[in-house]
Amino acid sequence: MLSEKECNKFIKDILDWGYKIPDSDSRTKNTVIKRCFDGFGVAEGIPIYWESKYFSEPKKTISHKELFGRKHQVENLISIYDSFRKKPSITTNCLTIYCVFMRVEARKVKVFTISNPWLKDMYFSNKKSYSIEEITEVSRGSTILSTNLEADTNEIDIWKLLDPRG
């Protein structure tokens, strides 16, 4: 059974270096510390910060609440993006991505990567929901995951998702 855990492993494994921030366990679930986002890493010399969302069934539309339910994590990604642009540093590049994985067939998963500034625009919009076509358009051209995806559909075979280098 595919889960968000495997989706995060997929992202981590295709980066040059990646770290998945551990999820809370039963002892720490009720603490005041919230996990900032799912993980971070480096690809082609660029810092990457990500959050992922997994839908186990295909959808034609996704509500704003379903998509961005964990507000603090999306807001953290937006803050990182804004911080890199405000202050000159060694690098002004970073990639903050919100990865949406959606099961579309028994062995196929569709992958959408929403990066800034589109993530910020979508998050702060007044829209109540997004069609899959809108999300597809926003995620078009994001290259960080595309080498493992079928070019026309942004889909991946489940076994490749579970073992991207294998």
C-alpha atoms as a PDB file:
ATOM      1  CA  MET A   1       0.000   0.000   0.000  1.00  0.00           C
ATOM      2  CA  LEU A   2       1.418   3.339  -1.054  1.00  0.00           C
ATOM      3  CA  SER A   3       1.492   6.143   1.504  1.00  0.00           C
ATOM      4  CA  GLU A   4       2.840   9.657   1.964  1.00  0.00           C
ATOM      5  CA  LYS A   5       5.891   8.065   3.595  1.00  0.00           C
ATOM      6  CA  GLU A   6       6.887   6.380   0.316  1.00  0.00           C
ATOM      7  CA  CYS A   7       6.217   9.614  -1.593  1.00  0.00           C
ATOM      8  CA  ASN A   8       8.631  11.460   0.697  1.00  0.00           C
ATOM      9  CA  LYS A   9      11.222   8.705   0.275  1.00  0.00           C
ATOM     10  CA  PHE A  10      10.900   9.104  -3.498  1.00  0.00           C
ATOM     11  CA  ILE A  11      11.647  12.835  -3.273  1.00  0.00           C
ATOM     12  CA  LYS A  12      14.548  12.322  -0.863  1.00  0.00           C
ATOM     13  CA  ASP A  13      16.103   9.577  -2.992  1.00  0.00           C
ATOM     14  CA  ILE A  14      16.143  11.544  -6.265  1.00  0.00           C
ATOM     15  CA  LEU A  15      17.941  14.527  -4.726  1.00  0.00           C
ATOM     16  CA  ASP A  16      21.738  14.693  -4.634  1.00  0.00           C
ATOM     17  CA  TRP A  17      21.290  14.756  -0.856  1.00  0.00           C
ATOM     18  CA  GLY A  18      18.035  14.779   1.088  1.00  0.00           C
ATOM     19  CA  TYR A  19      16.702  14.474   4.598  1.00  0.00           C
ATOM     20  CA  LYS A  20      13.149  13.549   5.532  1.00  0.00           C
ATOM     21  CA  ILE A  21      12.248  15.173   8.852  1.00  0.00           C
ATOM     22  CA  PRO A  22      10.888  12.412  11.107  1.00  0.00           C
ATOM     23  CA  ASP A  23       7.163  12.435  11.741  1.00  0.00           C
ATOM     24  CA  SER A  24       5.855  12.758  15.271  1.00  0.00           C
ATOM     25  CA  ASP A  25       5.414   9.518  17.154  1.00  0.00           C
ATOM     26  CA  SER A  26       2.839   8.745  19.830  1.00  0.00           C
ATOM     27  CA  ARG A  27       5.053  10.284  22.551  1.00  0.00           C
ATOM     28  CA  THR A  28       5.541  13.616  20.759  1.00  0.00           C
ATOM     29  CA  LYS A  29       2.230  14.089  18.906  1.00  0.00           C
ATOM     30  CA  ASN A  30       0.774  16.398  21.536  1.00  0.00           C
ATOM     31  CA  THR A  31       3.803  18.639  22.005  1.00  0.00           C
ATOM     32  CA  VAL A  32       3.816  22.275  21.006  1.00  0.00           C
ATOM     33  CA  ILE A  33       6.565  21.697  18.422  1.00  0.00           C
ATOM     34  CA  LYS A  34       5.121  21.235  14.950  1.00  0.00           C
ATOM     35  CA  ARG A  35       7.096  19.717  12.124  1.00  0.00           C
ATOM     36  CA  CYS A  36       7.987  22.624   9.813  1.00  0.00           C
ATOM     37  CA  PHE A  37       7.625  20.643   6.525  1.00  0.00           C
ATOM     38  CA  ASP A  38       8.486  17.154   5.266  1.00  0.00           C
ATOM     39  CA  GLY A  39      12.099  17.507   4.255  1.00  0.00           C
ATOM     40  CA  PHE A  40      15.005  19.371   2.729  1.00  0.00           C
ATOM     41  CA  GLY A  41      17.969  18.618   0.546  1.00  0.00           C
ATOM     42  CA  VAL A  42      20.139  19.692  -2.366  1.00  0.00           C
ATOM     43  CA  ALA A  43      19.839  19.061  -6.095  1.00  0.00           C
ATOM     44  CA  GLU A  44      22.286  20.457  -8.633  1.00  0.00           C
ATOM     45  CA  GLY A  45      23.665  22.799  -5.960  1.00  0.00           C
ATOM     46  CA  ILE A  46      20.263  24.310  -5.131  1.00  0.00           C
ATOM     47  CA  PRO A  47      18.690  23.995  -1.662  1.00  0.00           C
ATOM     48  CA  ILE A  48      15.321  22.209  -1.812  1.00  0.00           C
ATOM     49  CA  TYR A  49      12.583  22.323   0.834  1.00  0.00           C
ATOM     50  CA  TRP A  50       9.456  20.221   0.388  1.00  0.00           C
ATOM     51  CA  GLU A  51       6.093  19.221   1.734  1.00  0.00           C
ATOM     52  CA  SER A  52       4.075  16.406   0.203  1.00  0.00           C
ATOM     53  CA  LYS A  53       0.460  15.370   0.085  1.00  0.00           C
ATOM     54  CA  TYR A  54      -0.849  11.964  -1.028  1.00  0.00           C
ATOM     55  CA  PHE A  55      -4.339  11.225  -2.329  1.00  0.00           C
ATOM     56  CA  SER A  56      -5.108   7.514  -2.562  1.00  0.00           C
ATOM     57  CA  GLU A  57      -7.866   7.979  -5.163  1.00  0.00           C
ATOM     58  CA  PRO A  58      -8.178  10.108  -8.303  1.00  0.00           C
ATOM     59  CA  LYS A  59      -9.968  13.446  -7.995  1.00  0.00           C
ATOM     60  CA  LYS A  60     -11.299  15.908 -10.559  1.00  0.00           C
ATOM     61  CA  THR A  61     -11.069  18.807  -8.118  1.00  0.00           C
ATOM     62  CA  ILE A  62      -9.292  19.357  -4.821  1.00  0.00           C
ATOM     63  CA  SER A  63     -10.569  21.810  -2.254  1.00  0.00           C
ATOM     64  CA  HIS A  64      -8.255  24.477  -0.894  1.00  0.00           C
ATOM     65  CA  LYS A  65      -8.610  22.903   2.558  1.00  0.00           C
ATOM     66  CA  GLU A  66      -7.714  19.402   1.304  1.00  0.00           C
ATOM     67  CA  LEU A  67      -4.724  20.723  -0.575  1.00  0.00           C
ATOM     68  CA  PHE A  68      -3.359  23.117   2.042  1.00  0.00           C
ATOM     69  CA  GLY A  69      -4.743  21.663   5.263  1.00  0.00           C
ATOM     70  CA  ARG A  70      -1.456  21.860   7.138  1.00  0.00           C
ATOM     71  CA  LYS A  71      -1.228  25.629   6.993  1.00  0.00           C
ATOM     72  CA  HIS A  72       1.956  26.087   9.002  1.00  0.00           C
ATOM     73  CA  GLN A  73       3.914  23.822   6.644  1.00  0.00           C
ATOM     74  CA  VAL A  74       2.866  25.704   3.506  1.00  0.00           C
ATOM     75  CA  GLU A  75       3.489  29.020   5.262  1.00  0.00           C
ATOM     76  CA  ASN A  76       6.995  27.853   6.238  1.00  0.00           C
ATOM     77  CA  LEU A  77       7.793  27.007   2.606  1.00  0.00           C
ATOM     78  CA  ILE A  78       6.566  30.436   1.523  1.00  0.00           C
ATOM     79  CA  SER A  79       8.636  32.123   4.257  1.00  0.00           C
ATOM     80  CA  ILE A  80      11.785  30.310   3.127  1.00  0.00           C
ATOM     81  CA  TYR A  81      11.150  31.346  -0.459  1.00  0.00           C
ATOM     82  CA  ASP A  82      10.613  34.984   0.582  1.00  0.00           C
ATOM     83  CA  SER A  83      13.719  34.960   2.822  1.00  0.00           C
ATOM     84  CA  PHE A  84      16.001  33.824  -0.005  1.00  0.00           C
ATOM     85  CA  ARG A  85      14.754  36.678  -2.141  1.00  0.00           C
ATOM     86  CA  LYS A  86      15.019  39.422   0.498  1.00  0.00           C
ATOM     87  CA  LYS A  87      18.620  39.023   1.628  1.00  0.00           C
ATOM     88  CA  PRO A  88      21.595  38.450  -0.656  1.00  0.00           C
ATOM     89  CA  SER A  89      23.619  35.459   0.477  1.00  0.00           C
ATOM     90  CA  ILE A  90      25.910  32.824  -0.972  1.00  0.00           C
ATOM     91  CA  THR A  91      22.973  31.684  -3.071  1.00  0.00           C
ATOM     92  CA  THR A  92      19.740  33.463  -3.844  1.00  0.00           C
ATOM     93  CA  ASN A  93      18.288  30.333  -5.382  1.00  0.00           C
ATOM     94  CA  CYS A  94      16.178  27.858  -3.529  1.00  0.00           C
ATOM     95  CA  LEU A  95      13.338  25.628  -4.535  1.00  0.00           C
ATOM     96  CA  THR A  96      10.359  25.268  -2.235  1.00  0.00           C
ATOM     97  CA  ILE A  97       7.988  22.652  -3.566  1.00  0.00           C
ATOM     98  CA  TYR A  98       4.648  21.274  -2.565  1.00  0.00           C
ATOM     99  CA  CYS A  99       4.400  17.803  -4.096  1.00  0.00           C
ATOM    100  CA  VAL A 100       0.982  16.307  -4.653  1.00  0.00           C
ATOM    101  CA  PHE A 101       0.850  12.586  -5.393  1.00  0.00           C
ATOM    102  CA  MET A 102      -2.438  11.139  -6.616  1.00  0.00           C
ATOM    103  CA  ARG A 103      -3.196   7.496  -7.320  1.00  0.00           C
ATOM    104  CA  VAL A 104      -4.837   7.358 -10.764  1.00  0.00           C
ATOM    105  CA  GLU A 105      -4.699   3.627 -11.529  1.00  0.00           C
ATOM    106  CA  ALA A 106      -3.677   0.490  -9.703  1.00  0.00           C
ATOM    107  CA  ARG A 107      -0.039   0.964 -10.749  1.00  0.00           C
ATOM    108  CA  LYS A 108       0.075   4.654 -11.696  1.00  0.00           C
ATOM    109  CA  VAL A 109       0.556   7.760  -9.594  1.00  0.00           C
ATOM    110  CA  LYS A 110       0.230  11.301 -10.968  1.00  0.00           C
ATOM    111  CA  VAL A 111       2.732  13.775  -9.521  1.00  0.00           C
ATOM    112  CA  PHE A 112       2.212  17.530  -9.322  1.00  0.00           C
ATOM    113  CA  THR A 113       4.983  19.813  -8.056  1.00  0.00           C
ATOM    114  CA  ILE A 114       3.818  23.282  -7.126  1.00  0.00           C
ATOM    115  CA  SER A 115       6.748  25.592  -6.536  1.00  0.00           C
ATOM    116  CA  ASN A 116       6.919  29.248  -5.600  1.00  0.00           C
ATOM    117  CA  PRO A 117       5.737  31.777  -6.663  1.00  0.00           C
ATOM    118  CA  TRP A 118       2.737  29.658  -7.785  1.00  0.00           C
ATOM    119  CA  LEU A 119       2.437  28.003  -4.373  1.00  0.00           C
ATOM    120  CA  LYS A 120       2.188  31.399  -2.712  1.00  0.00           C
ATOM    121  CA  ASP A 121      -0.370  32.627  -5.257  1.00  0.00           C
ATOM    122  CA  MET A 122      -2.554  29.535  -4.837  1.00  0.00           C
ATOM    123  CA  TYR A 123      -2.307  29.499  -1.056  1.00  0.00           C
ATOM    124  CA  PHE A 124      -3.353  33.135  -0.658  1.00  0.00           C
ATOM    125  CA  SER A 125      -6.023  33.057  -3.365  1.00  0.00           C
ATOM    126  CA  ASN A 126      -9.712  33.155  -2.508  1.00  0.00           C
ATOM    127  CA  LYS A 127     -10.435  30.034  -4.536  1.00  0.00           C
ATOM    128  CA  LYS A 128     -12.312  27.312  -2.730  1.00  0.00           C
ATOM    129  CA  SER A 129     -11.075  24.512  -4.997  1.00  0.00           C
ATOM    130  CA  TYR A 130      -8.772  23.721  -7.910  1.00  0.00           C
ATOM    131  CA  SER A 131      -9.401  21.494 -10.895  1.00  0.00           C
ATOM    132  CA  ILE A 132      -6.791  18.908 -11.762  1.00  0.00           C
ATOM    133  CA  GLU A 133      -6.228  20.842 -14.995  1.00  0.00           C
ATOM    134  CA  GLU A 134      -5.343  23.995 -13.014  1.00  0.00           C
ATOM    135  CA  ILE A 135      -2.937  22.087 -10.784  1.00  0.00           C
ATOM    136  CA  THR A 136      -1.407  20.388 -13.838  1.00  0.00           C
ATOM    137  CA  GLU A 137      -0.830  23.763 -15.508  1.00  0.00           C
ATOM    138  CA  VAL A 138       0.816  25.231 -12.401  1.00  0.00           C
ATOM    139  CA  SER A 139       3.090  22.214 -11.982  1.00  0.00           C
ATOM    140  CA  ARG A 140       4.118  22.076 -15.653  1.00  0.00           C
ATOM    141  CA  GLY A 141       7.774  22.787 -16.149  1.00  0.00           C
ATOM    142  CA  SER A 142       8.930  21.909 -12.648  1.00  0.00           C
ATOM    143  CA  THR A 143      12.006  19.845 -13.404  1.00  0.00           C
ATOM    144  CA  ILE A 144      13.074  18.460 -10.043  1.00  0.00           C
ATOM    145  CA  LEU A 145      10.954  15.300 -10.343  1.00  0.00           C
ATOM    146  CA  SER A 146      10.331  15.250 -14.087  1.00  0.00           C
ATOM    147  CA  THR A 147      13.222  12.976 -15.049  1.00  0.00           C
ATOM    148  CA  ASN A 148      11.404  10.080 -13.418  1.00  0.00           C
ATOM    149  CA  LEU A 149       7.957  10.914 -14.825  1.00  0.00           C
ATOM    150  CA  GLU A 150       6.283  10.112 -18.121  1.00  0.00           C
ATOM    151  CA  ALA A 151       6.609  13.362 -20.080  1.00  0.00           C
ATOM    152  CA  ASP A 152       3.030  13.835 -21.292  1.00  0.00           C
ATOM    153  CA  THR A 153       1.144  12.710 -18.212  1.00  0.00           C
ATOM    154  CA  ASN A 154       3.390  13.428 -15.189  1.00  0.00           C
ATOM    155  CA  GLU A 155       2.664   9.870 -14.106  1.00  0.00           C
ATOM    156  CA  ILE A 156       5.003   7.292 -12.673  1.00  0.00           C
ATOM    157  CA  ASP A 157       4.765   3.573 -12.221  1.00  0.00           C
ATOM    158  CA  ILE A 158       4.361   2.733  -8.544  1.00  0.00           C
ATOM    159  CA  TRP A 159       7.434   0.498  -8.540  1.00  0.00           C
ATOM    160  CA  LYS A 160       9.617   3.290  -9.929  1.00  0.00           C
ATOM    161  CA  LEU A 161       8.205   5.600  -7.288  1.00  0.00           C
ATOM    162  CA  LEU A 162       9.140   3.139  -4.565  1.00  0.00           C
ATOM    163  CA  ASP A 163      12.669   2.649  -5.978  1.00  0.00           C
ATOM    164  CA  PRO A 164      13.586   5.640  -8.214  1.00  0.00           C
ATOM    165  CA  ARG A 165      17.258   4.730  -8.577  1.00  0.00           C
ATOM    166  CA  GLY A 166      16.752   1.032  -8.894  1.00  0.00           C
END
